[in-house]
Amino acid sequence: MLKVEGINVYYDAIHAVRQVSLDVDDGEIVTLIGANGAGKSTILRTISGLLRSGAGNIYFMNESIRAMPPHKIVERGLAQVPEGRRIFLRMTVEDNLEMGAYTQKSDGIRGDLERVYTLFPRLKERRKQVAGTLSGGEQQMLAMGRGLMSRPKLLMLDEPSMGLAPILVEQIFSTITEMNREGTTILLVEQNAQMALSIAAKAYVLETGRVAMQGDARELAVNEDVKKAYLGH
């Protein structure tokens, strides 16, 4: 479904991503783990078209999207839920969700809303509430729900558990698994490596902009180097 081949990304003179290649198959949950500054979010932003790679290529559904504008990438079925949620704070919950459906025909939006409300019942309870008054966990649910409103074939999630209490982290990860079970392929960037590896099929470990390790997520979860560096063992 997604194939990234040898991308390089610079921030002025800083070489942030170095010859990174990865792939995501239809129906998978794939995770990128690594320390802060390893290049995880930069990779997602490059796939989304918000940053440009100085080399390599990016294919989605066998089509190169490397030079494609971000809105066209969303129209093709690849959406991103950004780090920090980035919801519209002064708009209601339902207005935020409808903004996520801007690429869709209006006759299907009601059904999409009901799907999101089934996954996140709390959002249905608060659908007329101004988004800026939601709790952190509710705002994360809203950001994920807004991403789903574009009907993505592949949804990229950037740090969905950031700043959340442990019980909410478990709830968010349970919902990610449910979204995947319902047919959405997931590319997950996550600081909570233990949780990410527990739900993913495949994982890439990033260090200073490079892929240091890759493979089956469960095998990486018991790898001594990964356990020492990222799992607190």
C-alpha atoms as a PDB file:
ATOM      1  CA  MET A   1       0.000   0.000   0.000  1.00  0.00           C
ATOM      2  CA  LEU A   2       2.779   2.455   0.974  1.00  0.00           C
ATOM      3  CA  LYS A   3       6.395   2.229  -0.137  1.00  0.00           C
ATOM      4  CA  VAL A   4       9.014   4.774   0.888  1.00  0.00           C
ATOM      5  CA  GLU A   5      12.325   4.473  -0.970  1.00  0.00           C
ATOM      6  CA  GLY A   6      15.493   6.197   0.207  1.00  0.00           C
ATOM      7  CA  ILE A   7      14.106   9.580   1.242  1.00  0.00           C
ATOM      8  CA  ASN A   8      16.331  12.367   2.555  1.00  0.00           C
ATOM      9  CA  VAL A   9      14.920  15.420   4.325  1.00  0.00           C
ATOM     10  CA  TYR A  10      16.770  18.562   5.399  1.00  0.00           C
ATOM     11  CA  TYR A  11      15.907  21.432   7.737  1.00  0.00           C
ATOM     12  CA  ASP A  12      18.276  24.036   6.287  1.00  0.00           C
ATOM     13  CA  ALA A  13      21.717  22.500   6.956  1.00  0.00           C
ATOM     14  CA  ILE A  14      20.388  19.768   9.267  1.00  0.00           C
ATOM     15  CA  HIS A  15      20.086  16.342   7.624  1.00  0.00           C
ATOM     16  CA  ALA A  16      17.016  15.125   9.552  1.00  0.00           C
ATOM     17  CA  VAL A  17      16.134  11.957   7.612  1.00  0.00           C
ATOM     18  CA  ARG A  18      18.831   9.891   5.916  1.00  0.00           C
ATOM     19  CA  GLN A  19      18.060   7.327   3.221  1.00  0.00           C
ATOM     20  CA  VAL A  20      14.968   5.987   4.950  1.00  0.00           C
ATOM     21  CA  SER A  21      13.023   3.184   3.292  1.00  0.00           C
ATOM     22  CA  LEU A  22       9.938   1.461   4.666  1.00  0.00           C
ATOM     23  CA  ASP A  23       6.774  -0.233   3.512  1.00  0.00           C
ATOM     24  CA  VAL A  24       3.269  -0.736   4.845  1.00  0.00           C
ATOM     25  CA  ASP A  25       1.087  -3.543   3.509  1.00  0.00           C
ATOM     26  CA  ASP A  26      -2.682  -3.414   3.221  1.00  0.00           C
ATOM     27  CA  GLY A  27      -4.324  -4.180   6.567  1.00  0.00           C
ATOM     28  CA  GLU A  28      -1.209  -3.823   8.714  1.00  0.00           C
ATOM     29  CA  ILE A  29      -0.378  -1.751  11.740  1.00  0.00           C
ATOM     30  CA  VAL A  30       3.231  -0.593  11.310  1.00  0.00           C
ATOM     31  CA  THR A  31       5.014   1.481  13.929  1.00  0.00           C
ATOM     32  CA  LEU A  32       8.020   3.797  13.917  1.00  0.00           C
ATOM     33  CA  ILE A  33       9.771   4.075  17.286  1.00  0.00           C
ATOM     34  CA  GLY A  34      12.828   5.992  18.404  1.00  0.00           C
ATOM     35  CA  ALA A  35      14.044   8.782  20.642  1.00  0.00           C
ATOM     36  CA  ASN A  36      12.937  12.397  20.344  1.00  0.00           C
ATOM     37  CA  GLY A  37      14.609  13.940  17.303  1.00  0.00           C
ATOM     38  CA  ALA A  38      15.096  10.613  15.540  1.00  0.00           C
ATOM     39  CA  GLY A  39      13.075  11.780  12.522  1.00  0.00           C
ATOM     40  CA  LYS A  40       9.768   9.964  13.081  1.00  0.00           C
ATOM     41  CA  SER A  41       7.422  12.932  12.688  1.00  0.00           C
ATOM     42  CA  THR A  42       9.510  14.298   9.813  1.00  0.00           C
ATOM     43  CA  ILE A  43       8.941  11.046   7.920  1.00  0.00           C
ATOM     44  CA  LEU A  44       5.164  11.286   8.365  1.00  0.00           C
ATOM     45  CA  ARG A  45       5.126  14.924   7.284  1.00  0.00           C
ATOM     46  CA  THR A  46       7.136  14.027   4.199  1.00  0.00           C
ATOM     47  CA  ILE A  47       4.770  11.207   3.274  1.00  0.00           C
ATOM     48  CA  SER A  48       1.860  13.646   3.724  1.00  0.00           C
ATOM     49  CA  GLY A  49       3.448  16.155   1.350  1.00  0.00           C
ATOM     50  CA  LEU A  50       4.011  18.804   4.031  1.00  0.00           C
ATOM     51  CA  LEU A  51       7.784  18.428   3.607  1.00  0.00           C
ATOM     52  CA  ARG A  52       9.723  17.479   0.473  1.00  0.00           C
ATOM     53  CA  SER A  53      12.357  14.803   0.149  1.00  0.00           C
ATOM     54  CA  GLY A  54      15.610  15.722  -1.562  1.00  0.00           C
ATOM     55  CA  ALA A  55      15.939  12.189  -2.966  1.00  0.00           C
ATOM     56  CA  GLY A  56      14.149   8.878  -3.261  1.00  0.00           C
ATOM     57  CA  ASN A  57      10.453   8.332  -3.863  1.00  0.00           C
ATOM     58  CA  ILE A  58       7.157   7.664  -2.083  1.00  0.00           C
ATOM     59  CA  TYR A  59       4.496   5.394  -3.564  1.00  0.00           C
ATOM     60  CA  PHE A  60       0.928   5.028  -2.352  1.00  0.00           C
ATOM     61  CA  MET A  61      -1.308   2.461  -4.040  1.00  0.00           C
ATOM     62  CA  ASN A  62       1.419   2.063  -6.715  1.00  0.00           C
ATOM     63  CA  GLU A  63       1.378   5.789  -7.572  1.00  0.00           C
ATOM     64  CA  SER A  64       4.208   8.210  -6.818  1.00  0.00           C
ATOM     65  CA  ILE A  65       3.033  10.926  -4.421  1.00  0.00           C
ATOM     66  CA  ARG A  66       6.420  12.522  -3.778  1.00  0.00           C
ATOM     67  CA  ALA A  67       5.556  15.755  -5.622  1.00  0.00           C
ATOM     68  CA  MET A  68       1.812  15.677  -4.982  1.00  0.00           C
ATOM     69  CA  PRO A  69       0.094  18.480  -2.972  1.00  0.00           C
ATOM     70  CA  PRO A  70      -1.102  17.404   0.496  1.00  0.00           C
ATOM     71  CA  HIS A  71      -4.829  17.761  -0.294  1.00  0.00           C
ATOM     72  CA  LYS A  72      -4.468  15.487  -3.316  1.00  0.00           C
ATOM     73  CA  ILE A  73      -2.767  12.881  -1.134  1.00  0.00           C
ATOM     74  CA  VAL A  74      -5.725  13.005   1.272  1.00  0.00           C
ATOM     75  CA  GLU A  75      -8.139  12.608  -1.654  1.00  0.00           C
ATOM     76  CA  ARG A  76      -6.322   9.397  -2.620  1.00  0.00           C
ATOM     77  CA  GLY A  77      -6.921   7.920   0.811  1.00  0.00           C
ATOM     78  CA  LEU A  78      -3.856   8.750   2.897  1.00  0.00           C
ATOM     79  CA  ALA A  79      -4.492  10.977   5.936  1.00  0.00           C
ATOM     80  CA  GLN A  80      -2.466  12.067   8.953  1.00  0.00           C
ATOM     81  CA  VAL A  81      -3.489  12.816  12.541  1.00  0.00           C
ATOM     82  CA  PRO A  82      -0.756  15.268  13.572  1.00  0.00           C
ATOM     83  CA  GLU A  83       1.218  15.439  16.774  1.00  0.00           C
ATOM     84  CA  GLY A  84      -0.442  17.839  19.199  1.00  0.00           C
ATOM     85  CA  ARG A  85      -3.967  17.124  17.809  1.00  0.00           C
ATOM     86  CA  ARG A  86      -4.292  20.456  15.933  1.00  0.00           C
ATOM     87  CA  ILE A  87      -8.059  20.567  16.281  1.00  0.00           C
ATOM     88  CA  PHE A  88     -10.077  23.738  15.635  1.00  0.00           C
ATOM     89  CA  LEU A  89     -10.481  24.923  19.216  1.00  0.00           C
ATOM     90  CA  ARG A  90     -13.293  27.420  18.659  1.00  0.00           C
ATOM     91  CA  MET A  91     -15.444  25.087  16.589  1.00  0.00           C
ATOM     92  CA  THR A  92     -17.785  22.430  17.929  1.00  0.00           C
ATOM     93  CA  VAL A  93     -16.886  18.753  17.982  1.00  0.00           C
ATOM     94  CA  GLU A  94     -19.221  18.019  15.084  1.00  0.00           C
ATOM     95  CA  ASP A  95     -17.939  20.957  13.022  1.00  0.00           C
ATOM     96  CA  ASN A  96     -14.389  19.665  13.518  1.00  0.00           C
ATOM     97  CA  LEU A  97     -15.436  16.240  12.289  1.00  0.00           C
ATOM     98  CA  GLU A  98     -17.198  17.677   9.268  1.00  0.00           C
ATOM     99  CA  MET A  99     -14.028  19.626   8.397  1.00  0.00           C
ATOM    100  CA  GLY A 100     -12.270  16.272   8.130  1.00  0.00           C
ATOM    101  CA  ALA A 101     -14.730  15.257   5.415  1.00  0.00           C
ATOM    102  CA  TYR A 102     -13.973  18.162   3.075  1.00  0.00           C
ATOM    103  CA  THR A 103     -12.823  15.770   0.325  1.00  0.00           C
ATOM    104  CA  GLN A 104     -16.022  13.676   0.533  1.00  0.00           C
ATOM    105  CA  LYS A 105     -19.451  14.050  -1.051  1.00  0.00           C
ATOM    106  CA  SER A 106     -21.982  15.433   1.401  1.00  0.00           C
ATOM    107  CA  ASP A 107     -24.441  12.558   1.007  1.00  0.00           C
ATOM    108  CA  GLY A 108     -22.113  10.155   2.869  1.00  0.00           C
ATOM    109  CA  ILE A 109     -21.020  12.394   5.723  1.00  0.00           C
ATOM    110  CA  ARG A 110     -23.819  11.431   8.103  1.00  0.00           C
ATOM    111  CA  GLY A 111     -22.834   7.764   7.897  1.00  0.00           C
ATOM    112  CA  ASP A 112     -19.193   8.670   8.487  1.00  0.00           C
ATOM    113  CA  LEU A 113     -20.166  10.686  11.564  1.00  0.00           C
ATOM    114  CA  GLU A 114     -22.066   7.722  12.968  1.00  0.00           C
ATOM    115  CA  ARG A 115     -19.030   5.483  12.459  1.00  0.00           C
ATOM    116  CA  VAL A 116     -16.866   7.946  14.405  1.00  0.00           C
ATOM    117  CA  TYR A 117     -19.484   8.237  17.154  1.00  0.00           C
ATOM    118  CA  THR A 118     -19.606   4.448  17.437  1.00  0.00           C
ATOM    119  CA  LEU A 119     -15.819   4.322  17.899  1.00  0.00           C
ATOM    120  CA  PHE A 120     -15.812   7.334  20.238  1.00  0.00           C
ATOM    121  CA  PRO A 121     -19.127   7.507  22.142  1.00  0.00           C
ATOM    122  CA  ARG A 122     -17.748  10.403  24.219  1.00  0.00           C
ATOM    123  CA  LEU A 123     -17.644  12.559  21.094  1.00  0.00           C
ATOM    124  CA  LYS A 124     -21.317  11.918  20.424  1.00  0.00           C
ATOM    125  CA  GLU A 125     -22.148  13.090  23.942  1.00  0.00           C
ATOM    126  CA  ARG A 126     -20.146  16.270  23.309  1.00  0.00           C
ATOM    127  CA  ARG A 127     -20.909  16.833  19.634  1.00  0.00           C
ATOM    128  CA  LYS A 128     -22.267  20.384  20.224  1.00  0.00           C
ATOM    129  CA  GLN A 129     -19.513  21.303  22.687  1.00  0.00           C
ATOM    130  CA  VAL A 130     -16.725  23.713  21.701  1.00  0.00           C
ATOM    131  CA  ALA A 131     -13.612  21.615  21.049  1.00  0.00           C
ATOM    132  CA  GLY A 132     -11.313  23.829  23.123  1.00  0.00           C
ATOM    133  CA  THR A 133     -13.237  22.878  26.283  1.00  0.00           C
ATOM    134  CA  LEU A 134     -12.606  19.132  25.854  1.00  0.00           C
ATOM    135  CA  SER A 135     -10.124  17.207  27.976  1.00  0.00           C
ATOM    136  CA  GLY A 136      -6.804  16.147  26.448  1.00  0.00           C
ATOM    137  CA  GLY A 137      -8.046  12.611  25.877  1.00  0.00           C
ATOM    138  CA  GLU A 138     -11.240  13.837  24.262  1.00  0.00           C
ATOM    139  CA  GLN A 139      -9.271  16.157  21.993  1.00  0.00           C
ATOM    140  CA  GLN A 140      -7.134  13.196  20.873  1.00  0.00           C
ATOM    141  CA  MET A 141     -10.288  11.215  20.124  1.00  0.00           C
ATOM    142  CA  LEU A 142     -11.558  14.169  18.102  1.00  0.00           C
ATOM    143  CA  ALA A 143      -8.320  14.425  16.123  1.00  0.00           C
ATOM    144  CA  MET A 144      -8.473  10.723  15.286  1.00  0.00           C
ATOM    145  CA  GLY A 145     -12.160  10.942  14.426  1.00  0.00           C
ATOM    146  CA  ARG A 146     -11.516  13.910  12.139  1.00  0.00           C
ATOM    147  CA  GLY A 147      -8.844  11.870  10.357  1.00  0.00           C
ATOM    148  CA  LEU A 148     -11.292   9.021   9.826  1.00  0.00           C
ATOM    149  CA  MET A 149     -13.834  11.383   8.258  1.00  0.00           C
ATOM    150  CA  SER A 150     -11.696  11.531   5.100  1.00  0.00           C
ATOM    151  CA  ARG A 151     -12.276   7.763   4.692  1.00  0.00           C
ATOM    152  CA  PRO A 152      -8.568   6.933   4.626  1.00  0.00           C
ATOM    153  CA  LYS A 153      -7.248   3.663   3.316  1.00  0.00           C
ATOM    154  CA  LEU A 154      -4.134   4.408   5.382  1.00  0.00           C
ATOM    155  CA  LEU A 155      -4.195   6.580   8.510  1.00  0.00           C
ATOM    156  CA  MET A 156      -0.940   7.925   9.949  1.00  0.00           C
ATOM    157  CA  LEU A 157      -1.021   8.681  13.675  1.00  0.00           C
ATOM    158  CA  ASP A 158       1.668  10.890  15.205  1.00  0.00           C
ATOM    159  CA  GLU A 159       2.099  10.410  18.976  1.00  0.00           C
ATOM    160  CA  PRO A 160      -1.566   9.678  19.816  1.00  0.00           C
ATOM    161  CA  SER A 161      -0.804   8.903  23.489  1.00  0.00           C
ATOM    162  CA  MET A 162       1.229  12.044  24.188  1.00  0.00           C
ATOM    163  CA  GLY A 163       0.280  13.680  27.483  1.00  0.00           C
ATOM    164  CA  LEU A 164      -2.509  11.233  28.314  1.00  0.00           C
ATOM    165  CA  ALA A 165      -3.137   9.351  31.560  1.00  0.00           C
ATOM    166  CA  PRO A 166      -2.373   5.598  31.413  1.00  0.00           C
ATOM    167  CA  ILE A 167      -6.043   4.576  31.394  1.00  0.00           C
ATOM    168  CA  LEU A 168      -6.678   6.851  28.398  1.00  0.00           C
ATOM    169  CA  VAL A 169      -3.584   5.512  26.636  1.00  0.00           C
ATOM    170  CA  GLU A 170      -5.046   2.010  26.863  1.00  0.00           C
ATOM    171  CA  GLN A 171      -8.360   3.294  25.495  1.00  0.00           C
ATOM    172  CA  ILE A 172      -6.682   5.063  22.552  1.00  0.00           C
ATOM    173  CA  PHE A 173      -4.652   1.984  21.641  1.00  0.00           C
ATOM    174  CA  SER A 174      -7.746  -0.209  21.888  1.00  0.00           C
ATOM    175  CA  THR A 175      -9.487   2.120  19.444  1.00  0.00           C
ATOM    176  CA  ILE A 176      -6.513   2.045  17.055  1.00  0.00           C
ATOM    177  CA  THR A 177      -6.773  -1.754  17.034  1.00  0.00           C
ATOM    178  CA  GLU A 178     -10.518  -1.507  16.388  1.00  0.00           C
ATOM    179  CA  MET A 179     -10.014   0.925  13.485  1.00  0.00           C
ATOM    180  CA  ASN A 180      -7.525  -1.494  11.975  1.00  0.00           C
ATOM    181  CA  ARG A 181      -9.898  -4.429  12.482  1.00  0.00           C
ATOM    182  CA  GLU A 182     -12.546  -2.473  10.582  1.00  0.00           C
ATOM    183  CA  GLY A 183     -10.242  -2.114   7.589  1.00  0.00           C
ATOM    184  CA  THR A 184      -8.039   0.969   8.087  1.00  0.00           C
ATOM    185  CA  THR A 185      -4.316   0.387   7.629  1.00  0.00           C
ATOM    186  CA  ILE A 186      -2.258   2.235  10.261  1.00  0.00           C
ATOM    187  CA  LEU A 187       1.214   3.805  10.304  1.00  0.00           C
ATOM    188  CA  LEU A 188       1.912   4.744  13.920  1.00  0.00           C
ATOM    189  CA  VAL A 189       4.587   7.021  15.386  1.00  0.00           C
ATOM    190  CA  GLU A 190       4.664   6.581  19.134  1.00  0.00           C
ATOM    191  CA  GLN A 191       6.927   7.352  22.112  1.00  0.00           C
ATOM    192  CA  ASN A 192       5.267   4.578  24.119  1.00  0.00           C
ATOM    193  CA  ALA A 193       7.254   1.870  22.367  1.00  0.00           C
ATOM    194  CA  GLN A 194       5.926  -0.941  24.522  1.00  0.00           C
ATOM    195  CA  MET A 195       2.294  -0.218  23.614  1.00  0.00           C
ATOM    196  CA  ALA A 196       3.138   0.394  19.960  1.00  0.00           C
ATOM    197  CA  LEU A 197       5.034  -2.878  19.590  1.00  0.00           C
ATOM    198  CA  SER A 198       2.214  -4.776  21.320  1.00  0.00           C
ATOM    199  CA  ILE A 199      -0.330  -3.898  18.589  1.00  0.00           C
ATOM    200  CA  ALA A 200       1.880  -3.620  15.493  1.00  0.00           C
ATOM    201  CA  ALA A 201       2.747  -6.319  12.986  1.00  0.00           C
ATOM    202  CA  LYS A 202       5.961  -4.661  11.868  1.00  0.00           C
ATOM    203  CA  ALA A 203       8.249  -2.019  13.335  1.00  0.00           C
ATOM    204  CA  TYR A 204      11.085   0.280  12.338  1.00  0.00           C
ATOM    205  CA  VAL A 205      13.526   1.619  14.933  1.00  0.00           C
ATOM    206  CA  LEU A 206      14.940   5.051  14.043  1.00  0.00           C
ATOM    207  CA  GLU A 207      18.180   6.552  15.321  1.00  0.00           C
ATOM    208  CA  THR A 208      19.394  10.010  14.245  1.00  0.00           C
ATOM    209  CA  GLY A 209      17.379   9.957  11.041  1.00  0.00           C
ATOM    210  CA  ARG A 210      18.260   6.423   9.968  1.00  0.00           C
ATOM    211  CA  VAL A 211      16.527   3.049  10.220  1.00  0.00           C
ATOM    212  CA  ALA A 212      18.684   1.203  12.754  1.00  0.00           C
ATOM    213  CA  MET A 213      16.517  -1.934  13.000  1.00  0.00           C
ATOM    214  CA  GLN A 214      13.385  -3.302  11.395  1.00  0.00           C
ATOM    215  CA  GLY A 215      11.310  -6.444  11.511  1.00  0.00           C
ATOM    216  CA  ASP A 216       8.488  -8.265  13.257  1.00  0.00           C
ATOM    217  CA  ALA A 217       7.198  -6.091  16.105  1.00  0.00           C
ATOM    218  CA  ARG A 218       7.026  -8.944  18.607  1.00  0.00           C
ATOM    219  CA  GLU A 219      10.590  -9.980  17.865  1.00  0.00           C
ATOM    220  CA  LEU A 220      11.818  -6.403  18.300  1.00  0.00           C
ATOM    221  CA  ALA A 221       9.921  -6.170  21.603  1.00  0.00           C
ATOM    222  CA  VAL A 222      12.173  -8.885  23.062  1.00  0.00           C
ATOM    223  CA  ASN A 223      15.369  -7.667  21.383  1.00  0.00           C
ATOM    224  CA  GLU A 224      17.830  -6.759  24.141  1.00  0.00           C
ATOM    225  CA  ASP A 225      19.015  -3.543  22.472  1.00  0.00           C
ATOM    226  CA  VAL A 226      15.446  -2.348  21.931  1.00  0.00           C
ATOM    227  CA  LYS A 227      14.435  -3.286  25.486  1.00  0.00           C
ATOM    228  CA  LYS A 228      17.380  -1.385  26.929  1.00  0.00           C
ATOM    229  CA  ALA A 229      16.947   1.727  24.779  1.00  0.00           C
ATOM    230  CA  TYR A 230      13.175   2.086  24.499  1.00  0.00           C
ATOM    231  CA  LEU A 231      11.333  -0.217  26.882  1.00  0.00           C
ATOM    232  CA  GLY A 232      12.959   0.749  30.163  1.00  0.00           C
ATOM    233  CA  HIS A 233      14.648  -2.590  30.797  1.00  0.00           C
END
